[in-house]
Protein backbone atom coordinates (compact mmCIF):
# COMPACT_ATOMS: atom_id res chain seq x y z
CA MET A 1 0.00 0.00 0.00
CA LEU A 2 2.81 2.41 0.88
CA VAL A 3 4.69 1.58 -2.31
CA ALA A 4 1.58 2.29 -4.41
CA THR A 5 0.76 5.60 -2.71
CA ILE A 6 4.39 6.79 -2.65
CA LEU A 7 5.00 5.99 -6.33
CA GLY A 8 1.63 7.46 -7.35
CA SER A 9 2.04 10.77 -5.54
CA SER A 10 5.73 10.89 -6.52
CA MET A 11 4.75 11.09 -10.19
CA ALA A 12 2.96 14.37 -9.46
CA PHE A 13 5.72 15.64 -7.14
CA ILE A 14 8.50 14.79 -9.61
CA ASP A 15 6.65 16.57 -12.41
CA GLY A 16 6.49 19.66 -10.22
CA THR A 17 10.31 19.86 -10.14
CA VAL A 18 11.56 18.06 -13.25
CA VAL A 19 9.55 19.97 -15.85
CA ASN A 20 11.13 23.29 -14.76
CA VAL A 21 14.58 21.85 -15.56
CA ALA A 22 13.27 20.71 -18.97
CA LEU A 23 11.88 24.15 -19.91
CA PRO A 24 15.02 25.50 -21.66
CA ALA A 25 15.34 22.30 -23.74
CA LEU A 26 11.72 22.19 -24.85
CA GLN A 27 11.74 25.96 -25.45
CA SER A 28 14.59 25.45 -27.91
CA ALA A 29 13.19 22.25 -29.46
CA LEU A 30 9.65 23.60 -29.96
CA ASN A 31 10.68 27.19 -30.76
CA ALA A 32 8.59 28.44 -27.84
CA THR A 33 8.41 31.83 -26.18
CA VAL A 34 8.55 32.33 -22.43
CA THR A 35 4.78 32.85 -22.51
CA ASP A 36 4.46 29.38 -24.06
CA VAL A 37 6.64 27.70 -21.43
CA GLN A 38 4.70 29.53 -18.71
CA TRP A 39 1.60 27.77 -20.04
CA VAL A 40 3.41 24.41 -19.88
CA ILE A 41 3.56 24.91 -16.10
CA GLU A 42 0.29 26.82 -15.69
CA ALA A 43 -1.97 24.42 -17.63
CA TYR A 44 -0.96 21.66 -15.20
CA SER A 45 -1.23 23.85 -12.10
CA LEU A 46 -4.59 25.32 -13.11
CA LEU A 47 -6.41 21.98 -13.34
CA LEU A 48 -4.66 20.63 -10.24
CA SER A 49 -5.45 23.73 -8.16
CA ALA A 50 -9.09 24.03 -9.21
CA LEU A 51 -9.99 20.34 -8.93
CA LEU A 52 -7.87 19.20 -5.96
CA LEU A 53 -10.72 19.43 -3.44
CA VAL A 54 -13.14 17.81 -5.88
CA GLY A 55 -10.69 14.94 -6.34
CA GLY A 56 -10.73 14.27 -2.61
CA SER A 57 -14.54 14.38 -2.51
CA LEU A 58 -14.81 11.97 -5.46
CA GLY A 59 -12.59 9.50 -3.60
CA ASP A 60 -14.73 9.70 -0.47
CA ARG A 61 -17.88 9.17 -2.53
CA TYR A 62 -16.94 6.58 -5.17
CA GLY A 63 -14.03 4.78 -3.53
CA ARG A 64 -10.56 6.09 -2.78
CA ARG A 65 -8.67 3.31 -4.56
CA HIS A 66 -10.97 3.54 -7.58
CA VAL A 67 -10.51 7.29 -8.05
CA PHE A 68 -6.78 7.09 -7.24
CA VAL A 69 -6.26 4.45 -9.96
CA ILE A 70 -8.28 6.48 -12.48
CA GLY A 71 -6.06 9.48 -11.66
CA VAL A 72 -2.89 7.42 -12.14
CA ILE A 73 -4.13 6.08 -15.51
CA ILE A 74 -5.07 9.58 -16.75
CA PHE A 75 -1.74 10.96 -15.53
CA GLY A 76 0.21 8.18 -17.24
CA ALA A 77 -1.70 8.53 -20.54
CA ALA A 78 -1.24 12.33 -20.46
CA SER A 79 2.49 11.84 -19.78
CA ALA A 80 2.74 9.74 -22.95
CA TRP A 81 0.90 12.51 -24.82
CA CYS A 82 3.40 15.06 -23.43
CA GLY A 83 6.33 12.93 -24.57
CA LEU A 84 4.88 12.54 -28.08
CA ALA A 85 3.75 16.19 -28.45
CA SER A 86 4.70 17.58 -31.86
CA GLY A 87 4.27 21.23 -30.92
CA ILE A 88 3.93 23.56 -27.95
CA ARG A 89 0.10 23.76 -28.17
CA SER A 90 -0.22 19.98 -28.04
CA LEU A 91 2.14 19.87 -25.05
CA ILE A 92 0.13 22.50 -23.19
CA MET A 93 -3.14 20.55 -23.72
CA ALA A 94 -1.46 17.34 -22.55
CA ARG A 95 -0.18 19.11 -19.43
CA ALA A 96 -3.73 20.25 -18.63
CA VAL A 97 -4.92 16.61 -18.77
CA GLN A 98 -1.96 15.67 -16.56
CA GLY A 99 -3.16 18.24 -14.03
CA PHE A 100 -6.64 16.69 -14.05
CA GLY A 101 -5.13 13.26 -13.35
CA ALA A 102 -2.98 14.70 -10.55
CA ALA A 103 -6.09 16.28 -8.95
CA LEU A 104 -7.54 12.76 -8.62
CA LEU A 105 -4.41 10.95 -7.41
CA VAL A 106 -2.77 13.50 -5.05
CA PRO A 107 -5.55 13.67 -2.40
CA GLY A 108 -6.21 9.95 -2.86
CA SER A 109 -2.71 8.87 -1.80
CA LEU A 110 -2.95 10.29 1.73
CA ALA A 111 -6.64 9.35 2.04
CA ILE A 112 -5.82 5.69 1.31
CA ILE A 113 -3.12 5.69 4.01
CA SER A 114 -5.36 7.43 6.55
CA SER A 115 -8.27 5.05 5.99
CA SER A 116 -6.27 1.81 5.73
CA PHE A 117 -3.73 1.95 8.58
CA ARG A 118 -4.60 1.51 12.23
CA GLU A 119 -4.45 4.69 14.30
CA GLU A 120 -1.31 3.57 16.14
CA ASP A 121 0.49 2.89 12.82
CA ARG A 122 -0.89 5.83 10.84
CA GLY A 123 1.69 8.39 12.01
CA ARG A 124 4.64 6.20 10.97
CA ALA A 125 2.95 5.41 7.64
CA ILE A 126 2.39 9.08 6.83
CA GLY A 127 5.96 9.86 7.96
CA THR A 128 7.30 7.16 5.62
CA TRP A 129 5.16 8.52 2.77
CA SER A 130 6.43 12.07 3.42
CA GLY A 131 10.06 11.00 3.65
CA PHE A 132 10.12 8.96 0.45
CA SER A 133 8.10 11.62 -1.39
CA ALA A 134 10.75 14.17 -0.38
CA ILE A 135 13.52 11.87 -1.60
CA THR A 136 11.84 11.43 -5.00
CA ALA A 137 11.38 15.20 -5.21
CA ALA A 138 15.13 15.59 -4.58
CA ILE A 139 16.18 12.91 -7.08
CA GLY A 140 13.74 14.15 -9.73
CA PRO A 141 15.59 17.26 -11.00
CA VAL A 142 18.95 15.47 -11.17
CA LEU A 143 17.49 12.42 -12.94
CA GLY A 144 15.48 14.69 -15.23
CA GLY A 145 18.55 16.75 -16.11
CA TRP A 146 20.51 13.59 -16.91
CA LEU A 147 17.69 12.28 -19.13
CA ILE A 148 17.51 15.63 -20.97
CA GLU A 149 21.26 15.49 -21.66
CA GLN A 150 21.52 11.80 -22.53
CA VAL A 151 18.17 11.13 -24.22
CA SER A 152 15.71 14.00 -24.74
CA TRP A 153 13.38 16.30 -22.83
CA ARG A 154 10.63 13.87 -23.90
CA ALA A 155 12.12 11.17 -21.63
CA VAL A 156 11.17 13.32 -18.62
CA PHE A 157 7.53 12.52 -19.36
CA PHE A 158 7.96 8.92 -20.55
CA ILE A 159 9.51 7.98 -17.19
CA ASN A 160 6.01 8.19 -15.67
CA LEU A 161 4.67 5.30 -17.78
CA PRO A 162 6.38 2.35 -16.00
CA LEU A 163 5.62 3.99 -12.63
CA ALA A 164 1.92 4.29 -13.53
CA ILE A 165 1.74 0.61 -14.60
CA ILE A 166 3.42 -0.56 -11.36
CA VAL A 167 1.04 1.56 -9.24
CA VAL A 168 -2.09 0.24 -10.97
CA VAL A 169 -0.94 -3.40 -10.60
CA ILE A 170 -0.12 -2.97 -6.89
CA CYS A 171 -3.40 -1.14 -6.21
CA TYR A 172 -5.55 -3.98 -7.57
CA TRP A 173 -3.28 -6.58 -5.96
CA ARG A 174 -2.81 -5.20 -2.44
CA VAL A 175 -4.73 -1.96 -1.76
CA PRO A 176 -8.23 -2.38 -0.25
CA GLU A 177 -11.12 -0.18 -1.34
CA SER A 178 -12.51 2.40 1.10
CA SER A 179 -14.97 5.27 1.05
CA SER A 180 -16.56 7.75 3.43
CA ASN A 181 -19.73 7.03 5.37
CA GLN A 182 -20.78 10.66 4.87
CA LYS A 183 -21.37 11.12 1.15
CA GLY A 184 -22.67 14.64 0.59
CA ARG A 185 -23.35 16.18 -2.78
CA LEU A 186 -20.38 17.16 -4.92
CA ASP A 187 -19.90 20.89 -5.47
CA GLY A 188 -19.56 20.52 -9.25
CA LEU A 189 -20.79 24.05 -10.01
CA GLY A 190 -18.27 25.57 -7.60
CA ALA A 191 -15.44 23.57 -9.20
CA ILE A 192 -16.40 24.72 -12.71
CA VAL A 193 -16.75 28.38 -11.66
CA ILE A 194 -13.40 28.55 -9.81
CA ALA A 195 -11.61 26.73 -12.65
CA LEU A 196 -13.01 29.20 -15.21
CA GLY A 197 -12.25 32.17 -12.93
CA LEU A 198 -8.64 31.17 -12.30
CA GLY A 199 -8.23 30.24 -15.97
CA ALA A 200 -9.47 33.63 -17.19
CA LEU A 201 -7.32 35.48 -14.66
CA VAL A 202 -4.16 33.53 -15.50
CA TRP A 203 -4.77 33.81 -19.26
CA GLY A 204 -5.19 37.57 -18.94
CA LEU A 205 -2.02 37.98 -16.87
CA ILE A 206 0.19 35.77 -19.06
CA GLU A 207 -1.05 37.00 -22.43
CA SER A 208 -0.83 40.65 -21.30
CA THR A 209 2.93 40.44 -21.90
CA ARG A 210 2.17 39.77 -25.59
CA LEU A 211 -0.97 41.86 -26.19
CA GLY A 212 -0.59 44.61 -23.57
CA LEU A 213 -2.68 45.22 -20.45
CA ALA A 214 -4.96 47.67 -22.30
CA HIS A 215 -5.96 45.17 -25.00
CA PRO A 216 -9.76 44.56 -24.94
CA ALA A 217 -9.33 40.77 -24.72
CA ILE A 218 -6.99 41.12 -21.73
CA VAL A 219 -9.29 43.55 -19.91
CA ALA A 220 -12.28 41.28 -20.58
CA ALA A 221 -10.42 38.19 -19.33
CA LEU A 222 -9.21 39.88 -16.13
CA VAL A 223 -12.66 41.34 -15.35
CA ALA A 224 -14.36 38.02 -16.12
CA GLY A 225 -11.87 36.17 -13.92
CA LEU A 226 -12.48 38.48 -10.95
CA ILE A 227 -16.27 38.29 -11.41
CA LEU A 228 -16.17 34.48 -11.53
CA ILE A 229 -14.00 34.29 -8.39
CA VAL A 230 -16.43 36.58 -6.53
CA THR A 231 -19.28 34.43 -7.85
CA PHE A 232 -17.51 31.34 -6.48
CA VAL A 233 -17.37 32.91 -3.01
CA PHE A 234 -21.10 33.75 -3.23
CA LEU A 235 -21.94 30.18 -4.35
CA GLU A 236 -19.92 28.68 -1.50
CA ARG A 237 -21.83 30.82 0.99
CA GLN A 238 -25.16 29.60 -0.38
CA SER A 239 -24.26 25.93 -0.96
CA ARG A 240 -25.37 23.24 1.50
CA HIS A 241 -22.32 21.16 0.52
CA PRO A 242 -19.62 23.70 -0.32
CA MET A 243 -16.20 22.70 -1.68
CA VAL A 244 -14.70 25.43 0.57
CA PRO A 245 -16.69 25.90 3.82
CA LEU A 246 -16.28 29.64 4.36
CA GLU A 247 -17.16 29.43 8.05
CA LEU A 248 -13.66 28.00 8.64
CA PHE A 249 -12.30 31.47 7.89
CA ARG A 250 -14.03 32.83 10.98
CA SER A 251 -10.94 31.54 12.75
CA ARG A 252 -8.42 34.37 12.64
CA THR A 253 -5.57 31.87 12.88
CA PHE A 254 -6.89 29.73 10.00
CA THR A 255 -7.28 32.85 7.85
CA GLY A 256 -3.79 34.04 8.79
CA ALA A 257 -2.21 30.65 8.08
CA ASN A 258 -3.79 30.51 4.61
CA LEU A 259 -2.80 34.11 3.85
CA LEU A 260 0.76 33.25 4.91
CA THR A 261 0.59 30.17 2.65
CA LEU A 262 -0.57 32.32 -0.27
CA LEU A 263 2.28 34.82 0.17
CA LEU A 264 5.08 32.34 0.91
CA TYR A 265 4.20 29.85 -1.82
CA SER A 266 3.67 32.68 -4.30
CA ALA A 267 7.25 33.73 -3.62
CA LEU A 268 8.52 30.16 -3.90
CA GLY A 269 6.59 29.03 -6.99
CA GLY A 270 7.04 32.27 -8.91
CA THR A 271 10.79 32.61 -8.37
CA LEU A 272 11.85 28.98 -8.80
CA PHE A 273 10.27 28.98 -12.26
CA PHE A 274 13.10 31.26 -13.45
CA VAL A 275 16.03 29.57 -11.64
CA PRO A 276 16.62 26.76 -14.22
CA LEU A 277 16.27 29.28 -17.07
CA ASN A 278 19.00 31.38 -15.46
CA LEU A 279 21.28 28.44 -14.69
CA ILE A 280 21.00 26.78 -18.13
CA GLN A 281 20.54 29.68 -20.57
CA VAL A 282 22.61 32.41 -18.89
CA GLN A 283 25.09 30.65 -16.59
CA HIS A 284 25.48 27.77 -19.12
CA TYR A 285 25.01 24.92 -16.65
CA SER A 286 24.19 21.51 -18.06
CA PRO A 287 20.61 20.30 -17.32
CA THR A 288 22.03 17.76 -14.84
CA ALA A 289 24.02 20.44 -13.01
CA ALA A 290 20.98 22.76 -12.98
CA GLY A 291 18.91 19.98 -11.43
CA ALA A 292 21.60 19.30 -8.85
CA ALA A 293 21.76 23.02 -8.01
CA LEU A 294 18.32 22.68 -6.39
CA LEU A 295 19.44 19.82 -4.12
CA PRO A 296 20.58 21.95 -1.12
CA PHE A 297 17.12 23.51 -0.92
CA ILE A 298 15.25 20.18 -1.11
CA LEU A 299 17.62 18.23 1.16
CA ILE A 300 17.62 20.89 3.88
CA MET A 301 13.81 20.88 3.90
CA PHE A 302 13.84 17.07 4.14
CA LEU A 303 16.52 16.86 6.87
CA LEU A 304 15.11 19.66 9.04
CA SER A 305 11.39 18.88 8.70
CA ARG A 306 11.26 16.64 11.81
CA TRP A 307 13.25 19.18 13.86
CA ALA A 308 11.02 22.02 12.65
CA GLY A 309 7.93 20.04 13.71
CA GLY A 310 9.37 20.00 17.26
CA LEU A 311 9.61 23.80 17.28
CA VAL A 312 5.83 24.01 17.61
CA GLN A 313 5.89 22.06 20.88
CA LYS A 314 8.79 24.10 22.24
CA TYR A 315 7.90 27.64 21.12
CA GLY A 316 4.35 27.42 19.75
CA ALA A 317 3.54 27.97 16.09
CA LYS A 318 3.61 31.77 15.95
CA THR A 319 7.35 32.30 16.50
CA PRO A 320 8.52 29.81 13.81
CA LEU A 321 5.96 31.28 11.40
CA ILE A 322 7.49 34.72 11.86
CA VAL A 323 11.13 33.59 11.83
CA GLY A 324 10.82 31.05 8.97
CA PRO A 325 9.38 33.40 6.32
CA GLY A 326 11.82 36.08 7.54
CA ILE A 327 14.77 33.75 6.83
CA ALA A 328 13.19 32.81 3.48
CA ALA A 329 12.97 36.53 2.62
CA ILE A 330 16.72 36.83 3.25
CA GLY A 331 17.25 33.80 0.99
CA PHE A 332 15.26 35.37 -1.84
CA ALA A 333 17.10 38.68 -1.36
CA SER A 334 20.44 36.81 -1.57
CA PHE A 335 19.58 35.89 -5.17
CA LEU A 336 20.07 39.58 -6.04
CA LEU A 337 23.84 39.03 -5.82
CA PRO A 338 24.55 36.50 -8.67
CA GLU A 339 25.75 38.02 -11.93
CA VAL A 340 26.66 36.40 -15.25
CA GLY A 341 29.37 33.86 -14.49
CA GLY A 342 30.96 33.15 -11.13
CA SER A 343 31.16 30.02 -8.98
CA TYR A 344 28.03 28.10 -7.97
CA TRP A 345 29.36 27.79 -4.42
CA THR A 346 29.58 31.56 -3.96
CA MET A 347 26.68 32.69 -6.16
CA PHE A 348 23.84 30.15 -5.86
CA PHE A 349 24.64 27.72 -3.04
CA PRO A 350 24.31 30.27 -0.17
CA PRO A 351 20.89 31.61 -1.31
CA MET A 352 19.61 28.05 -1.88
CA THR A 353 20.77 27.03 1.60
CA VAL A 354 19.24 30.05 3.37
CA LEU A 355 15.97 29.62 1.46
CA GLY A 356 15.88 25.92 2.38
CA VAL A 357 16.32 26.73 6.08
CA GLY A 358 13.59 29.38 5.93
CA MET A 359 11.10 27.05 4.25
CA ALA A 360 12.00 24.15 6.57
CA VAL A 361 11.29 26.30 9.63
CA SER A 362 7.97 27.39 8.09
CA VAL A 363 6.33 24.32 6.55
CA ALA A 364 5.75 21.96 9.51
CA PRO A 365 4.52 24.71 11.90
CA LEU A 366 2.29 26.05 9.11
CA THR A 367 0.66 22.65 8.56
CA THR A 368 0.24 22.15 12.31
CA THR A 369 -1.34 25.59 12.68
CA VAL A 370 -3.85 24.92 9.90
CA MET A 371 -4.87 21.58 11.45
CA ASN A 372 -5.10 22.96 15.01
CA SER A 373 -7.07 26.09 14.10
CA VAL A 374 -10.25 24.15 13.31
CA ALA A 375 -12.20 21.39 15.04
CA GLN A 376 -10.72 17.92 14.59
CA THR A 377 -13.73 16.85 12.50
CA ARG A 378 -12.86 19.51 9.92
CA ALA A 379 -9.10 18.83 9.82
CA GLY A 380 -9.24 16.99 6.49
CA VAL A 381 -11.15 19.81 4.80
CA ALA A 382 -8.84 22.41 6.33
CA SER A 383 -5.75 20.56 5.07
CA GLY A 384 -7.28 20.28 1.58
CA ILE A 385 -8.03 24.01 1.46
CA ASN A 386 -4.50 24.88 2.55
CA ASN A 387 -3.02 22.55 -0.07
CA ALA A 388 -5.22 24.14 -2.75
CA VAL A 389 -4.19 27.65 -1.60
CA SER A 390 -0.50 26.72 -1.98
CA ARG A 391 -1.17 25.47 -5.54
CA VAL A 392 -3.15 28.58 -6.49
CA ALA A 393 -0.34 30.74 -5.07
CA GLY A 394 2.22 29.24 -7.46
CA LEU A 395 -0.26 29.40 -10.34
CA LEU A 396 -0.88 33.14 -9.95
CA ALA A 397 2.73 34.00 -9.05
CA ILE A 398 4.22 32.54 -12.24
CA ALA A 399 1.79 34.64 -14.27
CA VAL A 400 2.43 37.87 -12.31
CA LEU A 401 6.21 37.49 -11.98
CA GLY A 402 6.38 36.70 -15.70
CA ILE A 403 5.12 40.25 -16.28
CA VAL A 404 7.79 41.61 -13.88
CA MET A 405 10.53 39.62 -15.63
CA LEU A 406 9.54 40.67 -19.17
CA TRP A 407 9.13 44.33 -18.24
CA GLU A 408 12.55 44.56 -16.57
CA PHE A 409 14.21 42.46 -19.31
CA ASN A 410 12.87 44.70 -22.10
CA HIS A 411 13.65 47.91 -20.17
CA THR A 412 17.27 46.87 -19.56
CA LEU A 413 17.73 45.49 -23.07
CA ASP A 414 16.53 48.77 -24.62
CA MET A 415 19.20 50.65 -22.68
CA LYS A 416 21.89 48.11 -23.63
CA LEU A 417 21.02 48.26 -27.35
CA SER A 418 20.63 52.03 -27.59
CA GLY A 419 24.00 52.46 -29.34
CA LEU A 420 23.46 49.77 -31.99
CA PRO A 421 22.04 50.36 -35.51
CA SER A 422 18.24 50.23 -35.71
CA SER A 423 18.36 47.33 -38.21
CA ILE A 424 20.11 45.11 -35.66
CA ARG A 425 17.73 46.17 -32.87
CA GLN A 426 14.73 45.40 -35.09
CA SER A 427 16.08 41.96 -35.98
CA LEU A 428 16.11 41.13 -32.27
CA ASP A 429 12.62 42.46 -31.46
CA GLN A 430 10.81 39.28 -32.52
CA GLN A 431 13.07 37.24 -30.23
CA ARG A 432 12.49 39.27 -27.06
CA ALA A 433 9.65 37.02 -25.91
CA LYS A 434 12.16 34.15 -25.60
CA LEU A 435 14.21 36.09 -23.04
CA ALA A 436 17.66 34.45 -22.67
CA GLY A 437 16.63 31.77 -25.18
CA ALA A 438 16.58 34.33 -28.00
CA ASP A 439 18.09 33.28 -31.34
CA LEU A 440 20.51 35.90 -32.66
CA PRO A 441 20.64 36.94 -36.36
CA GLN A 442 23.20 34.95 -38.36
CA ASN A 443 24.16 37.73 -40.81
CA ILE A 444 25.94 40.01 -38.33
CA PRO A 445 29.62 40.20 -37.33
CA SER A 446 30.76 37.87 -34.57
CA ALA A 447 31.78 40.81 -32.37
CA VAL A 448 28.27 42.27 -32.59
CA ARG A 449 26.77 38.84 -31.88
CA ALA A 450 28.88 38.59 -28.74
CA GLU A 451 27.78 42.08 -27.69
CA LEU A 452 24.11 41.15 -28.24
CA ARG A 453 24.48 37.92 -26.26
CA ASP A 454 26.07 39.81 -23.35
CA ALA A 455 23.25 42.37 -23.47
CA ILE A 456 20.59 39.62 -23.42
CA ASP A 457 22.27 37.78 -20.54
CA TYR A 458 22.68 40.98 -18.52
CA SER A 459 19.04 41.92 -19.17
CA PHE A 460 17.84 38.49 -18.03
CA VAL A 461 19.85 38.80 -14.81
CA ALA A 462 18.28 42.24 -14.23
CA GLY A 463 14.82 40.70 -14.64
CA PHE A 464 15.81 37.76 -12.41
CA ARG A 465 16.84 40.18 -9.68
CA ALA A 466 13.52 42.03 -9.96
CA VAL A 467 11.65 38.74 -9.62
CA MET A 468 13.67 37.73 -6.55
CA PHE A 469 13.12 41.14 -4.98
CA VAL A 470 9.36 40.66 -5.30
CA GLY A 471 9.79 37.16 -3.82
CA ALA A 472 11.62 38.65 -0.82
CA LEU A 473 8.81 41.18 -0.31
CA LEU A 474 6.17 38.44 -0.45
CA ALA A 475 8.03 36.27 2.09
CA ALA A 476 8.52 39.27 4.39
CA GLY A 477 4.81 40.01 4.01
CA GLY A 478 4.13 36.44 5.14
CA ALA A 479 6.17 37.00 8.32
CA ILE A 480 4.21 40.21 9.04
CA CYS A 481 0.97 38.35 8.39
CA ALA A 482 1.93 35.64 10.92
CA TRP A 483 2.81 38.27 13.53
CA TRP A 484 -0.48 40.11 12.98
CA LEU A 485 -3.06 37.32 12.55
CA ILE A 486 -1.82 34.07 14.07
CA LYS A 487 -2.48 33.66 17.76
CA ALA A 488 0.04 32.06 20.06
CA GLU A 489 -2.45 29.25 20.68
CA ALA A 490 -4.68 28.29 17.71
CA ASP A 491 -8.31 29.22 18.26
CA VAL A 492 -10.35 26.10 17.64
CA LYS A 493 -13.68 26.55 15.89
CA SER A 494 -16.39 23.93 15.93
């Protein structure tokens, strides 16, 4: 049972880290812009974020093993589609289907463990699941980088196929079926409305870099997205079986913990999207080295997670939730130092290490606070909401920080190219949307090509620094939020 749930959830976790390392390779292979590769991440995150809570409810209603297996099969089939995609549009559609499969399997993995193990064994089972999931998340980027170098970026997706087959076989061989005794109505309308609202909002934000914020289609999408999100809140208030019970937010601590989650995971998801692009396209790391560059962050979170959980018992949750995001903010700010070139150990290792410590101090107390701020009977729902908030945070942050990156990149590049002939500047204009992956004109002198490449790299680093500065502000905002809203002892609501 543990092998099936660990391998199943690991497929989704690995995809969350490996695909970022593959972005430069597939951008080059499919002639994609940065907007296109944003959609490779966002299509997956959008479906996963919007349908995560529905996936958990479907498992409770129709059988946790049944829905988990369906999710694994959909995820595996979509992975094959990703690996066979002939163009960027096909890849984006396949990633959306992958996100739908992940929304069914991710909540099912923990639900199967919780319902199948005895209470005295459940803690060790969940700890084993968490530990091995963290290990796979750490191995993923390195393995993915090696596959990209030795085989192809397509191999990153094909690796899910044998895992999916093994999981399905084990599930029908060893995993018992289970479901909830309380089978309320599914909030299908709420799921559709929030998916459309987030989709419209993300589309408007991402495509604004291409069309401009004043474009009628962008304005319409952003307005429609906000209206649909407000409509979702109204529907949840009126529904007898809401996907998100709004009365949970009467707890000041629960509200504060989720606001902290939104800010901290926005900083994390939005900034880490650009790290592999910087390492591979600007710093000229191999994909394997770029994947390994993330290891200090992941390993520190894994090694310190148990210790950080003990901080809650010793100091309460509030202090770690102020200190942790504060350390993370310093980590994000440290990424302002790297330039083009320089040693990994002096430029990227220290920020990765500090950021890992900050997140390690934050994550376990944050989860504990969410679970303790509501009545025990609502703990599962509260955990699901917090998980969905963290996914939505990354979804929105990649779209917003993409705007920050492109604006700063273009602003800096304009200044760098001001002394060059207009014909050369115009030849580069169509490539701006690729950022550091821009293809330079072939019919220009080698000295000018070198000057253009330096200008592009410098401009990307300027945009990278702007993104990391915003990440530092978001993390610092999370620390302030914890200080302001989270009580020293969680207020339990019935």
